[in-house]
Amino acid sequence: MHSTLIVARMDPSSAGDVGRLFRDFDTTEMPHRMGTRRRQLFSYQGLYFHLQDFEAADGDHRIEEAKTDPRFERISADLRPFIDAYDPETWRSPADAMARRFYSWQASR
């Protein structure tokens, strides 16, 4: 499974709105189109963490393909009032907000 973690800034009072937007988005076929298996949203002291797990390592590629879908464009626009770039000076796309994994461990079955 492939995972991505997006880090941004969010007023904690916006959590309900952001959760509702993703709840509505996730009821469409968009998560399946992107290969999303699980989405988790976290907030901590003004920070926003968006953990997304994908079926396969091509998750980034499938998201790139989905970016032109009107539903993807709509949720991106709808999130703008609630989510701010962690570092606005370096942010150009969501890829600029993705954390880099430096360690991973998994239990053997």
PDB file of N, CA and C in Angstrom:
ATOM      1  N   MET A   1       0.843  -1.174   0.000  1.00  0.00           N
ATOM      2  CA  MET A   1       0.000   0.000   0.000  1.00  0.00           C
ATOM      3  C   MET A   1       0.889   1.238   0.000  1.00  0.00           C
ATOM      4  N   HIS A   2       0.467   2.250  -0.720  1.00  0.00           N
ATOM      5  CA  HIS A   2       1.172   3.518  -0.829  1.00  0.00           C
ATOM      6  C   HIS A   2       0.411   4.567  -0.023  1.00  0.00           C
ATOM      7  N   SER A   3       1.119   5.413   0.706  1.00  0.00           N
ATOM      8  CA  SER A   3       0.485   6.451   1.520  1.00  0.00           C
ATOM      9  C   SER A   3       1.084   7.810   1.214  1.00  0.00           C
ATOM     10  N   THR A   4       0.252   8.832   1.347  1.00  0.00           N
ATOM     11  CA  THR A   4       0.742  10.204   1.279  1.00  0.00           C
ATOM     12  C   THR A   4       0.226  10.945   2.502  1.00  0.00           C
ATOM     13  N   LEU A   5       0.994  11.924   2.943  1.00  0.00           N
ATOM     14  CA  LEU A   5       0.607  12.754   4.074  1.00  0.00           C
ATOM     15  C   LEU A   5       0.799  14.209   3.675  1.00  0.00           C
ATOM     16  N   ILE A   6      -0.302  14.942   3.637  1.00  0.00           N
ATOM     17  CA  ILE A   6      -0.258  16.372   3.324  1.00  0.00           C
ATOM     18  C   ILE A   6      -0.332  17.139   4.641  1.00  0.00           C
ATOM     19  N   VAL A   7       0.547  18.122   4.783  1.00  0.00           N
ATOM     20  CA  VAL A   7       0.597  18.959   5.980  1.00  0.00           C
ATOM     21  C   VAL A   7       0.264  20.390   5.563  1.00  0.00           C
ATOM     22  N   ALA A   8      -0.662  20.999   6.282  1.00  0.00           N
ATOM     23  CA  ALA A   8      -1.056  22.378   5.990  1.00  0.00           C
ATOM     24  C   ALA A   8      -1.495  23.032   7.296  1.00  0.00           C
ATOM     25  N   ARG A   9      -2.074  24.201   7.171  1.00  0.00           N
ATOM     26  CA  ARG A   9      -2.578  24.918   8.342  1.00  0.00           C
ATOM     27  C   ARG A   9      -4.103  24.991   8.259  1.00  0.00           C
ATOM     28  N   MET A  10      -4.750  24.854   9.412  1.00  0.00           N
ATOM     29  CA  MET A  10      -6.203  24.904   9.464  1.00  0.00           C
ATOM     30  C   MET A  10      -6.626  25.386  10.839  1.00  0.00           C
ATOM     31  N   ASP A  11      -7.568  26.303  10.860  1.00  0.00           N
ATOM     32  CA  ASP A  11      -8.170  26.712  12.122  1.00  0.00           C
ATOM     33  C   ASP A  11      -8.942  25.504  12.654  1.00  0.00           C
ATOM     34  N   PRO A  12      -8.678  25.062  13.881  1.00  0.00           N
ATOM     35  CA  PRO A  12      -9.360  23.878  14.419  1.00  0.00           C
ATOM     36  C   PRO A  12     -10.884  23.959  14.359  1.00  0.00           C
ATOM     37  N   SER A  13     -11.439  25.158  14.375  1.00  0.00           N
ATOM     38  CA  SER A  13     -12.899  25.280  14.299  1.00  0.00           C
ATOM     39  C   SER A  13     -13.443  24.916  12.923  1.00  0.00           C
ATOM     40  N   SER A  14     -12.571  24.772  11.937  1.00  0.00           N
ATOM     41  CA  SER A  14     -12.994  24.404  10.586  1.00  0.00           C
ATOM     42  C   SER A  14     -13.077  22.898  10.374  1.00  0.00           C
ATOM     43  N   ALA A  15     -12.699  22.110  11.359  1.00  0.00           N
ATOM     44  CA  ALA A  15     -12.651  20.652  11.196  1.00  0.00           C
ATOM     45  C   ALA A  15     -13.988  20.075  10.729  1.00  0.00           C
ATOM     46  N   GLY A  16     -15.082  20.546  11.271  1.00  0.00           N
ATOM     47  CA  GLY A  16     -16.398  20.044  10.867  1.00  0.00           C
ATOM     48  C   GLY A  16     -16.689  20.311   9.401  1.00  0.00           C
ATOM     49  N   ASP A  17     -16.369  21.517   8.933  1.00  0.00           N
ATOM     50  CA  ASP A  17     -16.591  21.864   7.526  1.00  0.00           C
ATOM     51  C   ASP A  17     -15.716  21.024   6.601  1.00  0.00           C
ATOM     52  N   VAL A  18     -14.449  20.891   6.961  1.00  0.00           N
ATOM     53  CA  VAL A  18     -13.527  20.113   6.135  1.00  0.00           C
ATOM     54  C   VAL A  18     -13.949  18.644   6.116  1.00  0.00           C
ATOM     55  N   GLY A  19     -14.311  18.107   7.270  1.00  0.00           N
ATOM     56  CA  GLY A  19     -14.777  16.728   7.328  1.00  0.00           C
ATOM     57  C   GLY A  19     -16.020  16.506   6.476  1.00  0.00           C
ATOM     58  N   ARG A  20     -16.941  17.453   6.510  1.00  0.00           N
ATOM     59  CA  ARG A  20     -18.163  17.344   5.700  1.00  0.00           C
ATOM     60  C   ARG A  20     -17.842  17.352   4.209  1.00  0.00           C
ATOM     61  N   LEU A  21     -16.924  18.224   3.785  1.00  0.00           N
ATOM     62  CA  LEU A  21     -16.546  18.277   2.373  1.00  0.00           C
ATOM     63  C   LEU A  21     -15.970  16.940   1.914  1.00  0.00           C
ATOM     64  N   PHE A  22     -15.088  16.361   2.734  1.00  0.00           N
ATOM     65  CA  PHE A  22     -14.515  15.070   2.346  1.00  0.00           C
ATOM     66  C   PHE A  22     -15.537  13.941   2.452  1.00  0.00           C
ATOM     67  N   ARG A  23     -16.431  14.007   3.413  1.00  0.00           N
ATOM     68  CA  ARG A  23     -17.477  12.982   3.527  1.00  0.00           C
ATOM     69  C   ARG A  23     -18.319  12.973   2.248  1.00  0.00           C
ATOM     70  N   ASP A  24     -18.696  14.147   1.760  1.00  0.00           N
ATOM     71  CA  ASP A  24     -19.474  14.233   0.523  1.00  0.00           C
ATOM     72  C   ASP A  24     -18.659  13.746  -0.676  1.00  0.00           C
ATOM     73  N   PHE A  25     -17.389  14.147  -0.746  1.00  0.00           N
ATOM     74  CA  PHE A  25     -16.504  13.748  -1.839  1.00  0.00           C
ATOM     75  C   PHE A  25     -16.311  12.233  -1.848  1.00  0.00           C
ATOM     76  N   ASP A  26     -16.149  11.652  -0.671  1.00  0.00           N
ATOM     77  CA  ASP A  26     -15.866  10.225  -0.580  1.00  0.00           C
ATOM     78  C   ASP A  26     -17.077   9.340  -0.869  1.00  0.00           C
ATOM     79  N   THR A  27     -18.271   9.928  -0.959  1.00  0.00           N
ATOM     80  CA  THR A  27     -19.444   9.136  -1.339  1.00  0.00           C
ATOM     81  C   THR A  27     -19.574   9.015  -2.857  1.00  0.00           C
ATOM     82  N   THR A  28     -18.732   9.740  -3.608  1.00  0.00           N
ATOM     83  CA  THR A  28     -18.728   9.635  -5.066  1.00  0.00           C
ATOM     84  C   THR A  28     -17.768   8.510  -5.458  1.00  0.00           C
ATOM     85  N   GLU A  29     -17.630   8.280  -6.745  1.00  0.00           N
ATOM     86  CA  GLU A  29     -16.675   7.260  -7.198  1.00  0.00           C
ATOM     87  C   GLU A  29     -15.247   7.782  -7.292  1.00  0.00           C
ATOM     88  N   MET A  30     -15.041   9.058  -6.927  1.00  0.00           N
ATOM     89  CA  MET A  30     -13.706   9.646  -7.025  1.00  0.00           C
ATOM     90  C   MET A  30     -12.647   8.886  -6.227  1.00  0.00           C
ATOM     91  N   PRO A  31     -12.896   8.498  -4.969  1.00  0.00           N
ATOM     92  CA  PRO A  31     -11.854   7.742  -4.266  1.00  0.00           C
ATOM     93  C   PRO A  31     -11.463   6.461  -5.006  1.00  0.00           C
ATOM     94  N   HIS A  32     -12.430   5.796  -5.590  1.00  0.00           N
ATOM     95  CA  HIS A  32     -12.136   4.566  -6.335  1.00  0.00           C
ATOM     96  C   HIS A  32     -11.328   4.890  -7.591  1.00  0.00           C
ATOM     97  N   ARG A  33     -11.684   5.973  -8.253  1.00  0.00           N
ATOM     98  CA  ARG A  33     -10.947   6.381  -9.448  1.00  0.00           C
ATOM     99  C   ARG A  33      -9.475   6.667  -9.117  1.00  0.00           C
ATOM    100  N   MET A  34      -9.251   7.260  -7.949  1.00  0.00           N
ATOM    101  CA  MET A  34      -7.888   7.604  -7.541  1.00  0.00           C
ATOM    102  C   MET A  34      -7.164   6.438  -6.877  1.00  0.00           C
ATOM    103  N   GLY A  35      -7.892   5.349  -6.591  1.00  0.00           N
ATOM    104  CA  GLY A  35      -7.277   4.207  -5.920  1.00  0.00           C
ATOM    105  C   GLY A  35      -7.179   4.385  -4.416  1.00  0.00           C
ATOM    106  N   THR A  36      -7.937   5.321  -3.857  1.00  0.00           N
ATOM    107  CA  THR A  36      -7.897   5.584  -2.421  1.00  0.00           C
ATOM    108  C   THR A  36      -8.549   4.436  -1.659  1.00  0.00           C
ATOM    109  N   ARG A  37      -7.836   3.902  -0.688  1.00  0.00           N
ATOM    110  CA  ARG A  37      -8.370   2.845   0.169  1.00  0.00           C
ATOM    111  C   ARG A  37      -8.822   3.398   1.511  1.00  0.00           C
ATOM    112  N   ARG A  38      -8.135   4.460   1.966  1.00  0.00           N
ATOM    113  CA  ARG A  38      -8.479   5.038   3.262  1.00  0.00           C
ATOM    114  C   ARG A  38      -8.010   6.487   3.288  1.00  0.00           C
ATOM    115  N   ARG A  39      -8.835   7.333   3.916  1.00  0.00           N
ATOM    116  CA  ARG A  39      -8.474   8.742   4.119  1.00  0.00           C
ATOM    117  C   ARG A  39      -8.678   9.041   5.594  1.00  0.00           C
ATOM    118  N   GLN A  40      -7.697   9.679   6.199  1.00  0.00           N
ATOM    119  CA  GLN A  40      -7.809  10.109   7.586  1.00  0.00           C
ATOM    120  C   GLN A  40      -7.361  11.562   7.675  1.00  0.00           C
ATOM    121  N   LEU A  41      -8.138  12.355   8.394  1.00  0.00           N
ATOM    122  CA  LEU A  41      -7.818  13.768   8.593  1.00  0.00           C
ATOM    123  C   LEU A  41      -7.538  13.997  10.070  1.00  0.00           C
ATOM    124  N   PHE A  42      -6.478  14.742  10.356  1.00  0.00           N
ATOM    125  CA  PHE A  42      -6.091  15.041  11.726  1.00  0.00           C
ATOM    126  C   PHE A  42      -5.838  16.536  11.847  1.00  0.00           C
ATOM    127  N   SER A  43      -6.045  17.052  13.045  1.00  0.00           N
ATOM    128  CA  SER A  43      -5.634  18.427  13.318  1.00  0.00           C
ATOM    129  C   SER A  43      -4.886  18.428  14.645  1.00  0.00           C
ATOM    130  N   TYR A  44      -3.923  19.337  14.720  1.00  0.00           N
ATOM    131  CA  TYR A  44      -3.140  19.484  15.945  1.00  0.00           C
ATOM    132  C   TYR A  44      -2.614  20.908  15.996  1.00  0.00           C
ATOM    133  N   GLN A  45      -3.062  21.665  16.965  1.00  0.00           N
ATOM    134  CA  GLN A  45      -2.581  23.025  17.230  1.00  0.00           C
ATOM    135  C   GLN A  45      -2.444  23.862  15.955  1.00  0.00           C
ATOM    136  N   GLY A  46      -3.511  23.920  15.189  1.00  0.00           N
ATOM    137  CA  GLY A  46      -3.517  24.752  13.993  1.00  0.00           C
ATOM    138  C   GLY A  46      -2.930  24.097  12.755  1.00  0.00           C
ATOM    139  N   LEU A  47      -2.521  22.840  12.880  1.00  0.00           N
ATOM    140  CA  LEU A  47      -2.006  22.119  11.720  1.00  0.00           C
ATOM    141  C   LEU A  47      -3.046  21.116  11.235  1.00  0.00           C
ATOM    142  N   TYR A  48      -2.998  20.822   9.972  1.00  0.00           N
ATOM    143  CA  TYR A  48      -3.906  19.902   9.296  1.00  0.00           C
ATOM    144  C   TYR A  48      -3.054  18.794   8.698  1.00  0.00           C
ATOM    145  N   PHE A  49      -3.454  17.560   8.915  1.00  0.00           N
ATOM    146  CA  PHE A  49      -2.760  16.391   8.370  1.00  0.00           C
ATOM    147  C   PHE A  49      -3.774  15.553   7.604  1.00  0.00           C
ATOM    148  N   HIS A  50      -3.473  15.265   6.378  1.00  0.00           N
ATOM    149  CA  HIS A  50      -4.362  14.504   5.498  1.00  0.00           C
ATOM    150  C   HIS A  50      -3.597  13.252   5.064  1.00  0.00           C
ATOM    151  N   LEU A  51      -3.924  12.137   5.702  1.00  0.00           N
ATOM    152  CA  LEU A  51      -3.270  10.863   5.413  1.00  0.00           C
ATOM    153  C   LEU A  51      -4.153  10.075   4.463  1.00  0.00           C
ATOM    154  N   GLN A  52      -3.597   9.688   3.336  1.00  0.00           N
ATOM    155  CA  GLN A  52      -4.362   8.967   2.328  1.00  0.00           C
ATOM    156  C   GLN A  52      -3.589   7.717   1.934  1.00  0.00           C
ATOM    157  N   ASP A  53      -4.268   6.574   1.998  1.00  0.00           N
ATOM    158  CA  ASP A  53      -3.675   5.291   1.619  1.00  0.00           C
ATOM    159  C   ASP A  53      -4.258   4.855   0.286  1.00  0.00           C
ATOM    160  N   PHE A  54      -3.386   4.342  -0.577  1.00  0.00           N
ATOM    161  CA  PHE A  54      -3.771   3.938  -1.921  1.00  0.00           C
ATOM    162  C   PHE A  54      -3.544   2.442  -2.121  1.00  0.00           C
ATOM    163  N   GLU A  55      -4.269   1.899  -3.089  1.00  0.00           N
ATOM    164  CA  GLU A  55      -4.166   0.487  -3.413  1.00  0.00           C
ATOM    165  C   GLU A  55      -2.762   0.100  -3.854  1.00  0.00           C
ATOM    166  N   ALA A  56      -2.141   0.956  -4.604  1.00  0.00           N
ATOM    167  CA  ALA A  56      -0.836   0.614  -5.182  1.00  0.00           C
ATOM    168  C   ALA A  56       0.046   1.852  -5.234  1.00  0.00           C
ATOM    169  N   ALA A  57       1.276   1.636  -5.620  1.00  0.00           N
ATOM    170  CA  ALA A  57       2.253   2.717  -5.656  1.00  0.00           C
ATOM    171  C   ALA A  57       1.953   3.765  -6.724  1.00  0.00           C
ATOM    172  N   ASP A  58       0.966   3.534  -7.569  1.00  0.00           N
ATOM    173  CA  ASP A  58       0.650   4.513  -8.603  1.00  0.00           C
ATOM    174  C   ASP A  58      -0.370   5.547  -8.134  1.00  0.00           C
ATOM    175  N   GLY A  59      -0.574   5.669  -6.830  1.00  0.00           N
ATOM    176  CA  GLY A  59      -1.538   6.618  -6.292  1.00  0.00           C
ATOM    177  C   GLY A  59      -1.281   8.042  -6.742  1.00  0.00           C
ATOM    178  N   ASP A  60      -0.026   8.481  -6.735  1.00  0.00           N
ATOM    179  CA  ASP A  60       0.291   9.840  -7.168  1.00  0.00           C
ATOM    180  C   ASP A  60      -0.098  10.045  -8.626  1.00  0.00           C
ATOM    181  N   HIS A  61       0.182   9.056  -9.450  1.00  0.00           N
ATOM    182  CA  HIS A  61      -0.150   9.132 -10.882  1.00  0.00           C
ATOM    183  C   HIS A  61      -1.662   9.206 -11.082  1.00  0.00           C
ATOM    184  N   ARG A  62      -2.401   8.402 -10.332  1.00  0.00           N
ATOM    185  CA  ARG A  62      -3.860   8.400 -10.472  1.00  0.00           C
ATOM    186  C   ARG A  62      -4.466   9.709  -9.996  1.00  0.00           C
ATOM    187  N   ILE A  63      -3.890  10.321  -8.981  1.00  0.00           N
ATOM    188  CA  ILE A  63      -4.373  11.637  -8.534  1.00  0.00           C
ATOM    189  C   ILE A  63      -4.119  12.680  -9.617  1.00  0.00           C
ATOM    190  N   GLU A  64      -2.951  12.636 -10.229  1.00  0.00           N
ATOM    191  CA  GLU A  64      -2.648  13.580 -11.303  1.00  0.00           C
ATOM    192  C   GLU A  64      -3.692  13.466 -12.413  1.00  0.00           C
ATOM    193  N   GLU A  65      -4.078  12.244 -12.747  1.00  0.00           N
ATOM    194  CA  GLU A  65      -5.084  12.042 -13.788  1.00  0.00           C
ATOM    195  C   GLU A  65      -6.450  12.560 -13.355  1.00  0.00           C
ATOM    196  N   ALA A  66      -6.758  12.467 -12.061  1.00  0.00           N
ATOM    197  CA  ALA A  66      -8.073  12.881 -11.555  1.00  0.00           C
ATOM    198  C   ALA A  66      -8.190  14.393 -11.365  1.00  0.00           C
ATOM    199  N   LYS A  67      -7.072  15.107 -11.369  1.00  0.00           N
ATOM    200  CA  LYS A  67      -7.100  16.550 -11.081  1.00  0.00           C
ATOM    201  C   LYS A  67      -7.965  17.347 -12.036  1.00  0.00           C
ATOM    202  N   THR A  68      -8.201  16.858 -13.227  1.00  0.00           N
ATOM    203  CA  THR A  68      -9.015  17.598 -14.186  1.00  0.00           C
ATOM    204  C   THR A  68     -10.505  17.275 -14.049  1.00  0.00           C
ATOM    205  N   ASP A  69     -10.844  16.325 -13.203  1.00  0.00           N
ATOM    206  CA  ASP A  69     -12.243  15.983 -12.983  1.00  0.00           C
ATOM    207  C   ASP A  69     -12.919  17.148 -12.252  1.00  0.00           C
ATOM    208  N   PRO A  70     -14.103  17.574 -12.681  1.00  0.00           N
ATOM    209  CA  PRO A  70     -14.779  18.702 -12.023  1.00  0.00           C
ATOM    210  C   PRO A  70     -15.008  18.486 -10.527  1.00  0.00           C
ATOM    211  N   ARG A  71     -15.207  17.244 -10.091  1.00  0.00           N
ATOM    212  CA  ARG A  71     -15.414  16.993  -8.656  1.00  0.00           C
ATOM    213  C   ARG A  71     -14.139  17.244  -7.871  1.00  0.00           C
ATOM    214  N   PHE A  72     -12.986  16.893  -8.442  1.00  0.00           N
ATOM    215  CA  PHE A  72     -11.698  17.158  -7.795  1.00  0.00           C
ATOM    216  C   PHE A  72     -11.458  18.661  -7.740  1.00  0.00           C
ATOM    217  N   GLU A  73     -11.719  19.335  -8.851  1.00  0.00           N
ATOM    218  CA  GLU A  73     -11.544  20.787  -8.896  1.00  0.00           C
ATOM    219  C   GLU A  73     -12.468  21.472  -7.893  1.00  0.00           C
ATOM    220  N   ARG A  74     -13.703  20.960  -7.751  1.00  0.00           N
ATOM    221  CA  ARG A  74     -14.672  21.560  -6.840  1.00  0.00           C
ATOM    222  C   ARG A  74     -14.236  21.413  -5.383  1.00  0.00           C
ATOM    223  N   ILE A  75     -13.796  20.210  -4.981  1.00  0.00           N
ATOM    224  CA  ILE A  75     -13.393  20.060  -3.572  1.00  0.00           C
ATOM    225  C   ILE A  75     -12.148  20.889  -3.291  1.00  0.00           C
ATOM    226  N   SER A  76     -11.255  20.978  -4.259  1.00  0.00           N
ATOM    227  CA  SER A  76     -10.065  21.817  -4.064  1.00  0.00           C
ATOM    228  C   SER A  76     -10.471  23.269  -3.823  1.00  0.00           C
ATOM    229  N   ALA A  77     -11.419  23.766  -4.605  1.00  0.00           N
ATOM    230  CA  ALA A  77     -11.892  25.144  -4.430  1.00  0.00           C
ATOM    231  C   ALA A  77     -12.657  25.299  -3.110  1.00  0.00           C
ATOM    232  N   ASP A  78     -13.473  24.307  -2.772  1.00  0.00           N
ATOM    233  CA  ASP A  78     -14.269  24.380  -1.538  1.00  0.00           C
ATOM    234  C   ASP A  78     -13.396  24.350  -0.283  1.00  0.00           C
ATOM    235  N   LEU A  79     -12.221  23.732  -0.364  1.00  0.00           N
ATOM    236  CA  LEU A  79     -11.324  23.651   0.793  1.00  0.00           C
ATOM    237  C   LEU A  79     -10.508  24.923   0.999  1.00  0.00           C
ATOM    238  N   ARG A  80     -10.360  25.740  -0.022  1.00  0.00           N
ATOM    239  CA  ARG A  80      -9.502  26.935   0.068  1.00  0.00           C
ATOM    240  C   ARG A  80      -9.807  27.852   1.248  1.00  0.00           C
ATOM    241  N   PRO A  81     -11.083  28.078   1.596  1.00  0.00           N
ATOM    242  CA  PRO A  81     -11.332  28.964   2.742  1.00  0.00           C
ATOM    243  C   PRO A  81     -10.883  28.372   4.083  1.00  0.00           C
ATOM    244  N   PHE A  82     -10.651  27.066   4.126  1.00  0.00           N
ATOM    245  CA  PHE A  82     -10.362  26.398   5.393  1.00  0.00           C
ATOM    246  C   PHE A  82      -8.911  25.936   5.552  1.00  0.00           C
ATOM    247  N   ILE A  83      -8.244  25.649   4.447  1.00  0.00           N
ATOM    248  CA  ILE A  83      -6.895  25.070   4.486  1.00  0.00           C
ATOM    249  C   ILE A  83      -5.912  26.077   3.893  1.00  0.00           C
ATOM    250  N   ASP A  84      -4.858  26.372   4.635  1.00  0.00           N
ATOM    251  CA  ASP A  84      -3.806  27.271   4.167  1.00  0.00           C
ATOM    252  C   ASP A  84      -2.511  26.487   4.015  1.00  0.00           C
ATOM    253  N   ALA A  85      -1.709  26.882   3.062  1.00  0.00           N
ATOM    254  CA  ALA A  85      -0.412  26.250   2.859  1.00  0.00           C
ATOM    255  C   ALA A  85       0.431  26.368   4.127  1.00  0.00           C
ATOM    256  N   TYR A  86       1.174  25.346   4.428  1.00  0.00           N
ATOM    257  CA  TYR A  86       2.076  25.392   5.574  1.00  0.00           C
ATOM    258  C   TYR A  86       3.109  26.493   5.369  1.00  0.00           C
ATOM    259  N   ASP A  87       3.670  26.544   4.160  1.00  0.00           N
ATOM    260  CA  ASP A  87       4.637  27.585   3.816  1.00  0.00           C
ATOM    261  C   ASP A  87       4.191  28.230   2.507  1.00  0.00           C
ATOM    262  N   PRO A  88       3.426  29.312   2.582  1.00  0.00           N
ATOM    263  CA  PRO A  88       2.881  29.922   1.371  1.00  0.00           C
ATOM    264  C   PRO A  88       3.933  30.356   0.353  1.00  0.00           C
ATOM    265  N   GLU A  89       5.144  30.645   0.807  1.00  0.00           N
ATOM    266  CA  GLU A  89       6.185  31.107  -0.113  1.00  0.00           C
ATOM    267  C   GLU A  89       6.705  29.999  -1.021  1.00  0.00           C
ATOM    268  N   THR A  90       6.604  28.748  -0.583  1.00  0.00           N
ATOM    269  CA  THR A  90       7.130  27.645  -1.397  1.00  0.00           C
ATOM    270  C   THR A  90       6.036  26.785  -2.007  1.00  0.00           C
ATOM    271  N   TRP A  91       4.771  27.034  -1.650  1.00  0.00           N
ATOM    272  CA  TRP A  91       3.681  26.185  -2.123  1.00  0.00           C
ATOM    273  C   TRP A  91       3.268  26.540  -3.546  1.00  0.00           C
ATOM    274  N   ARG A  92       3.280  25.531  -4.412  1.00  0.00           N
ATOM    275  CA  ARG A  92       2.792  25.686  -5.777  1.00  0.00           C
ATOM    276  C   ARG A  92       1.712  24.660  -6.092  1.00  0.00           C
ATOM    277  N   SER A  93       1.769  23.506  -5.431  1.00  0.00           N
ATOM    278  CA  SER A  93       0.781  22.447  -5.646  1.00  0.00           C
ATOM    279  C   SER A  93       0.760  21.568  -4.398  1.00  0.00           C
ATOM    280  N   PRO A  94      -0.221  20.672  -4.271  1.00  0.00           N
ATOM    281  CA  PRO A  94      -0.265  19.789  -3.098  1.00  0.00           C
ATOM    282  C   PRO A  94       1.029  18.992  -2.891  1.00  0.00           C
ATOM    283  N   ALA A  95       1.752  18.729  -3.959  1.00  0.00           N
ATOM    284  CA  ALA A  95       3.016  17.995  -3.819  1.00  0.00           C
ATOM    285  C   ALA A  95       3.997  18.752  -2.930  1.00  0.00           C
ATOM    286  N   ASP A  96       3.891  20.075  -2.883  1.00  0.00           N
ATOM    287  CA  ASP A  96       4.778  20.885  -2.048  1.00  0.00           C
ATOM    288  C   ASP A  96       4.418  20.811  -0.576  1.00  0.00           C
ATOM    289  N   ALA A  97       3.288  20.186  -0.258  1.00  0.00           N
ATOM    290  CA  ALA A  97       2.845  20.058   1.123  1.00  0.00           C
ATOM    291  C   ALA A  97       2.936  18.624   1.630  1.00  0.00           C
ATOM    292  N   MET A  98       3.485  17.727   0.807  1.00  0.00           N
ATOM    293  CA  MET A  98       3.554  16.318   1.206  1.00  0.00           C
ATOM    294  C   MET A  98       4.782  16.052   2.051  1.00  0.00           C
ATOM    295  N   ALA A  99       4.514  15.411   3.177  1.00  0.00           N
ATOM    296  CA  ALA A  99       5.609  15.035   4.066  1.00  0.00           C
ATOM    297  C   ALA A  99       6.424  13.921   3.399  1.00  0.00           C
ATOM    298  N   ARG A 100       7.686  13.873   3.737  1.00  0.00           N
ATOM    299  CA  ARG A 100       8.578  12.845   3.204  1.00  0.00           C
ATOM    300  C   ARG A 100       8.745  11.757   4.258  1.00  0.00           C
ATOM    301  N   ARG A 101       8.408  10.525   3.886  1.00  0.00           N
ATOM    302  CA  ARG A 101       8.573   9.404   4.811  1.00  0.00           C
ATOM    303  C   ARG A 101      10.067   9.091   4.943  1.00  0.00           C
ATOM    304  N   PHE A 102      10.525   8.982   6.166  1.00  0.00           N
ATOM    305  CA  PHE A 102      11.928   8.629   6.381  1.00  0.00           C
ATOM    306  C   PHE A 102      12.089   7.340   7.171  1.00  0.00           C
ATOM    307  N   TYR A 103      10.984   6.747   7.633  1.00  0.00           N
ATOM    308  CA  TYR A 103      11.043   5.465   8.331  1.00  0.00           C
ATOM    309  C   TYR A 103       9.691   4.794   8.212  1.00  0.00           C
ATOM    310  N   SER A 104       9.717   3.495   8.059  1.00  0.00           N
ATOM    311  CA  SER A 104       8.471   2.727   8.001  1.00  0.00           C
ATOM    312  C   SER A 104       8.706   1.359   8.618  1.00  0.00           C
ATOM    313  N   TRP A 105       7.722   0.854   9.319  1.00  0.00           N
ATOM    314  CA  TRP A 105       7.773  -0.488   9.912  1.00  0.00           C
ATOM    315  C   TRP A 105       6.408  -1.116   9.739  1.00  0.00           C
ATOM    316  N   GLN A 106       6.378  -2.412   9.507  1.00  0.00           N
ATOM    317  CA  GLN A 106       5.120  -3.128   9.358  1.00  0.00           C
ATOM    318  C   GLN A 106       5.252  -4.494  10.005  1.00  0.00           C
ATOM    319  N   ALA A 107       4.235  -4.861  10.749  1.00  0.00           N
ATOM    320  CA  ALA A 107       4.238  -6.172  11.400  1.00  0.00           C
ATOM    321  C   ALA A 107       4.161  -7.269  10.351  1.00  0.00           C
ATOM    322  N   SER A 108       4.864  -8.347  10.588  1.00  0.00           N
ATOM    323  CA  SER A 108       4.749  -9.481   9.666  1.00  0.00           C
ATOM    324  C   SER A 108       3.476 -10.242   9.997  1.00  0.00           C
ATOM    325  N   ARG A 109       2.926 -10.864   9.020  1.00  0.00           N
ATOM    326  CA  ARG A 109       1.645 -11.572   9.213  1.00  0.00           C
ATOM    327  C   ARG A 109       1.846 -12.908   9.813  1.00  0.00           C
TER     328      ARG A 109
END
